[in-house]
Amino acid sequence: MAPLKMKKKKKKKAAAERAKSFATMLVKRMKICIELVKFAIKFVIAQVEEVINENLRHRRPPPPVAMRMRSLSPPLPIVGPF
């Protein structure tokens, strides 16, 4: 009977080792996935910033302040001598 108990213990130990090994590999894979997602997010952010900066560079500059003020207020009609 003693050898049978030893075999069961060995099987349990081997199963525990396999489970531990599987968990370790799973954690490693999850870490790799997280790093890949971080890399992808940084890449997308850099691309979006580049597009925004490129669009801002090619935009026409705003008109001078004096022209903006004239365009906002309509001209006043001249009514009689002052």
N, C-alpha and C. Protein backbone atom coordinates (compact mmCIF):
# COMPACT_ATOMS: atom_id res chain seq x y z
N MET A 1 0.81 -1.20 0.00
CA MET A 1 0.00 0.00 0.00
C MET A 1 0.85 1.26 0.00
N ALA A 2 1.99 1.20 0.56
CA ALA A 2 2.84 2.37 0.64
C ALA A 2 3.25 2.88 -0.73
N PRO A 3 3.62 2.00 -1.70
CA PRO A 3 3.99 2.51 -3.02
C PRO A 3 2.83 3.22 -3.72
N LEU A 4 1.60 2.80 -3.48
CA LEU A 4 0.44 3.43 -4.11
C LEU A 4 0.27 4.87 -3.62
N LYS A 5 0.47 5.06 -2.32
CA LYS A 5 0.38 6.41 -1.76
C LYS A 5 1.47 7.30 -2.32
N MET A 6 2.65 6.74 -2.50
CA MET A 6 3.76 7.51 -3.04
C MET A 6 3.46 7.95 -4.47
N LYS A 7 2.84 7.07 -5.26
CA LYS A 7 2.50 7.41 -6.65
C LYS A 7 1.47 8.54 -6.69
N LYS A 8 0.47 8.46 -5.78
CA LYS A 8 -0.53 9.51 -5.74
C LYS A 8 0.09 10.86 -5.37
N LYS A 9 1.01 10.82 -4.41
CA LYS A 9 1.68 12.06 -4.00
C LYS A 9 2.50 12.64 -5.15
N LYS A 10 3.18 11.75 -5.87
CA LYS A 10 3.98 12.20 -7.01
C LYS A 10 3.09 12.79 -8.10
N LYS A 11 1.94 12.15 -8.33
CA LYS A 11 1.02 12.66 -9.35
C LYS A 11 0.48 14.03 -8.94
N LYS A 12 0.13 14.17 -7.66
CA LYS A 12 -0.37 15.45 -7.18
C LYS A 12 0.70 16.53 -7.30
N LYS A 13 1.93 16.16 -6.97
CA LYS A 13 3.02 17.12 -7.05
C LYS A 13 3.28 17.52 -8.50
N ALA A 14 3.24 16.54 -9.39
CA ALA A 14 3.46 16.83 -10.81
C ALA A 14 2.34 17.72 -11.34
N ALA A 15 1.11 17.44 -10.93
CA ALA A 15 -0.02 18.27 -11.38
C ALA A 15 0.13 19.70 -10.85
N ALA A 16 0.55 19.82 -9.61
CA ALA A 16 0.75 21.15 -9.03
C ALA A 16 1.84 21.90 -9.79
N GLU A 17 2.91 21.21 -10.13
CA GLU A 17 4.00 21.84 -10.89
C GLU A 17 3.51 22.30 -12.27
N ARG A 18 2.71 21.46 -12.93
CA ARG A 18 2.18 21.84 -14.24
C ARG A 18 1.27 23.06 -14.13
N ALA A 19 0.44 23.07 -13.09
CA ALA A 19 -0.45 24.22 -12.89
C ALA A 19 0.35 25.48 -12.62
N LYS A 20 1.40 25.36 -11.83
CA LYS A 20 2.25 26.50 -11.53
C LYS A 20 2.95 26.98 -12.80
N SER A 21 3.43 26.05 -13.59
CA SER A 21 4.10 26.39 -14.84
C SER A 21 3.12 27.08 -15.79
N PHE A 22 1.89 26.56 -15.87
CA PHE A 22 0.87 27.16 -16.73
C PHE A 22 0.55 28.58 -16.27
N ALA A 23 0.41 28.77 -14.97
CA ALA A 23 0.10 30.09 -14.43
C ALA A 23 1.24 31.06 -14.71
N THR A 24 2.47 30.59 -14.59
CA THR A 24 3.62 31.45 -14.86
C THR A 24 3.63 31.87 -16.33
N MET A 25 3.38 30.93 -17.22
CA MET A 25 3.35 31.25 -18.65
C MET A 25 2.19 32.21 -18.95
N LEU A 26 1.05 32.00 -18.30
CA LEU A 26 -0.10 32.87 -18.52
C LEU A 26 0.22 34.30 -18.09
N VAL A 27 0.88 34.44 -16.94
CA VAL A 27 1.25 35.77 -16.46
C VAL A 27 2.23 36.42 -17.43
N LYS A 28 3.20 35.67 -17.92
CA LYS A 28 4.16 36.21 -18.88
C LYS A 28 3.46 36.68 -20.15
N ARG A 29 2.53 35.88 -20.64
CA ARG A 29 1.79 36.26 -21.86
C ARG A 29 0.96 37.51 -21.63
N MET A 30 0.34 37.60 -20.47
CA MET A 30 -0.46 38.79 -20.16
C MET A 30 0.44 40.03 -20.11
N LYS A 31 1.62 39.90 -19.53
CA LYS A 31 2.55 41.03 -19.48
C LYS A 31 2.96 41.46 -20.89
N ILE A 32 3.22 40.49 -21.75
CA ILE A 32 3.59 40.80 -23.13
C ILE A 32 2.43 41.51 -23.83
N CYS A 33 1.21 41.03 -23.63
CA CYS A 33 0.04 41.67 -24.25
C CYS A 33 -0.13 43.10 -23.76
N ILE A 34 0.05 43.31 -22.47
CA ILE A 34 -0.07 44.66 -21.91
C ILE A 34 0.99 45.58 -22.52
N GLU A 35 2.21 45.10 -22.64
CA GLU A 35 3.27 45.91 -23.24
C GLU A 35 2.97 46.23 -24.70
N LEU A 36 2.42 45.27 -25.44
CA LEU A 36 2.06 45.52 -26.84
C LEU A 36 0.95 46.55 -26.94
N VAL A 37 -0.02 46.49 -26.05
CA VAL A 37 -1.11 47.47 -26.06
C VAL A 37 -0.56 48.86 -25.74
N LYS A 38 0.34 48.94 -24.76
CA LYS A 38 0.95 50.24 -24.43
C LYS A 38 1.69 50.80 -25.64
N PHE A 39 2.44 49.93 -26.32
CA PHE A 39 3.19 50.36 -27.50
C PHE A 39 2.24 50.86 -28.57
N ALA A 40 1.14 50.13 -28.80
CA ALA A 40 0.17 50.53 -29.82
C ALA A 40 -0.47 51.86 -29.48
N ILE A 41 -0.80 52.07 -28.22
CA ILE A 41 -1.41 53.34 -27.80
C ILE A 41 -0.43 54.49 -28.01
N LYS A 42 0.83 54.30 -27.63
CA LYS A 42 1.83 55.36 -27.84
C LYS A 42 1.99 55.66 -29.32
N PHE A 43 1.97 54.63 -30.16
CA PHE A 43 2.10 54.82 -31.60
C PHE A 43 0.93 55.62 -32.15
N VAL A 44 -0.28 55.27 -31.74
CA VAL A 44 -1.47 55.99 -32.22
C VAL A 44 -1.44 57.43 -31.75
N ILE A 45 -1.06 57.67 -30.52
CA ILE A 45 -0.98 59.04 -30.00
C ILE A 45 0.03 59.85 -30.80
N ALA A 46 1.17 59.27 -31.09
CA ALA A 46 2.19 59.98 -31.87
C ALA A 46 1.67 60.31 -33.27
N GLN A 47 0.95 59.38 -33.89
CA GLN A 47 0.41 59.63 -35.23
C GLN A 47 -0.64 60.73 -35.20
N VAL A 48 -1.51 60.72 -34.21
CA VAL A 48 -2.55 61.75 -34.10
C VAL A 48 -1.91 63.12 -33.86
N GLU A 49 -0.91 63.17 -32.99
CA GLU A 49 -0.22 64.45 -32.75
C GLU A 49 0.43 64.96 -34.02
N GLU A 50 1.00 64.08 -34.80
CA GLU A 50 1.64 64.48 -36.06
C GLU A 50 0.62 65.05 -37.03
N VAL A 51 -0.54 64.40 -37.14
CA VAL A 51 -1.58 64.90 -38.03
C VAL A 51 -2.08 66.26 -37.57
N ILE A 52 -2.29 66.41 -36.27
CA ILE A 52 -2.76 67.69 -35.74
C ILE A 52 -1.73 68.78 -36.00
N ASN A 53 -0.46 68.49 -35.72
CA ASN A 53 0.58 69.50 -35.95
C ASN A 53 0.70 69.85 -37.43
N GLU A 54 0.56 68.86 -38.29
CA GLU A 54 0.64 69.11 -39.74
C GLU A 54 -0.51 70.00 -40.18
N ASN A 55 -1.71 69.75 -39.67
CA ASN A 55 -2.86 70.58 -40.02
C ASN A 55 -2.70 72.00 -39.50
N LEU A 56 -2.14 72.15 -38.33
CA LEU A 56 -1.95 73.49 -37.78
C LEU A 56 -0.90 74.27 -38.57
N ARG A 57 0.11 73.59 -39.10
CA ARG A 57 1.15 74.26 -39.88
C ARG A 57 0.60 74.79 -41.20
N HIS A 58 -0.34 74.08 -41.80
CA HIS A 58 -0.85 74.47 -43.11
C HIS A 58 -2.08 75.38 -43.03
N ARG A 59 -2.50 75.72 -41.86
CA ARG A 59 -3.66 76.59 -41.71
C ARG A 59 -3.27 78.03 -42.02
N ARG A 60 -4.19 78.76 -42.62
CA ARG A 60 -3.91 80.18 -42.89
C ARG A 60 -3.87 80.95 -41.59
N PRO A 61 -3.00 81.92 -41.48
CA PRO A 61 -2.96 82.70 -40.25
C PRO A 61 -4.22 83.57 -40.15
N PRO A 62 -4.66 83.89 -38.95
CA PRO A 62 -5.85 84.73 -38.81
C PRO A 62 -5.56 86.14 -39.29
N PRO A 63 -6.58 86.87 -39.72
CA PRO A 63 -6.35 88.25 -40.17
C PRO A 63 -5.95 89.13 -38.99
N PRO A 64 -5.34 90.26 -39.27
CA PRO A 64 -4.95 91.17 -38.18
C PRO A 64 -6.17 91.60 -37.37
N VAL A 65 -5.91 92.03 -36.16
CA VAL A 65 -7.00 92.40 -35.24
C VAL A 65 -7.85 93.51 -35.84
N ALA A 66 -7.24 94.52 -36.46
CA ALA A 66 -8.00 95.64 -37.01
C ALA A 66 -9.00 95.16 -38.06
N MET A 67 -8.60 94.24 -38.91
CA MET A 67 -9.51 93.73 -39.93
C MET A 67 -10.63 92.90 -39.30
N ARG A 68 -10.32 92.19 -38.26
CA ARG A 68 -11.35 91.39 -37.60
C ARG A 68 -12.40 92.28 -36.96
N MET A 69 -11.98 93.38 -36.37
CA MET A 69 -12.93 94.27 -35.71
C MET A 69 -13.82 94.95 -36.74
N ARG A 70 -13.27 95.33 -37.88
CA ARG A 70 -14.07 95.98 -38.92
C ARG A 70 -15.10 95.01 -39.47
N SER A 71 -14.72 93.76 -39.61
CA SER A 71 -15.66 92.81 -40.21
C SER A 71 -16.78 92.46 -39.23
N LEU A 72 -16.56 92.63 -37.95
CA LEU A 72 -17.59 92.29 -36.98
C LEU A 72 -18.65 93.39 -36.88
N SER A 73 -18.25 94.68 -36.99
CA SER A 73 -19.22 95.76 -36.85
C SER A 73 -19.51 96.36 -38.22
N PRO A 74 -20.79 96.48 -38.56
CA PRO A 74 -21.11 97.07 -39.87
C PRO A 74 -20.81 98.57 -39.87
N PRO A 75 -20.54 99.13 -41.02
CA PRO A 75 -20.23 100.58 -41.07
C PRO A 75 -21.47 101.39 -40.68
N LEU A 76 -21.22 102.51 -40.01
CA LEU A 76 -22.31 103.38 -39.58
C LEU A 76 -22.65 104.36 -40.70
N PRO A 77 -23.91 104.55 -40.96
CA PRO A 77 -24.28 105.51 -42.01
C PRO A 77 -24.06 106.94 -41.50
N ILE A 78 -23.68 107.83 -42.39
CA ILE A 78 -23.48 109.24 -42.03
C ILE A 78 -24.81 109.94 -42.20
N VAL A 79 -25.30 110.52 -41.11
CA VAL A 79 -26.60 111.20 -41.15
C VAL A 79 -26.35 112.68 -40.80
N GLY A 80 -26.31 113.50 -41.79
CA GLY A 80 -26.18 114.94 -41.57
C GLY A 80 -24.82 115.35 -41.04
N PRO A 81 -24.61 116.68 -41.00
CA PRO A 81 -23.32 117.20 -40.50
C PRO A 81 -23.25 117.10 -38.99
N PHE A 82 -22.06 116.96 -38.51
CA PHE A 82 -21.87 116.89 -37.05
C PHE A 82 -21.33 118.17 -36.52
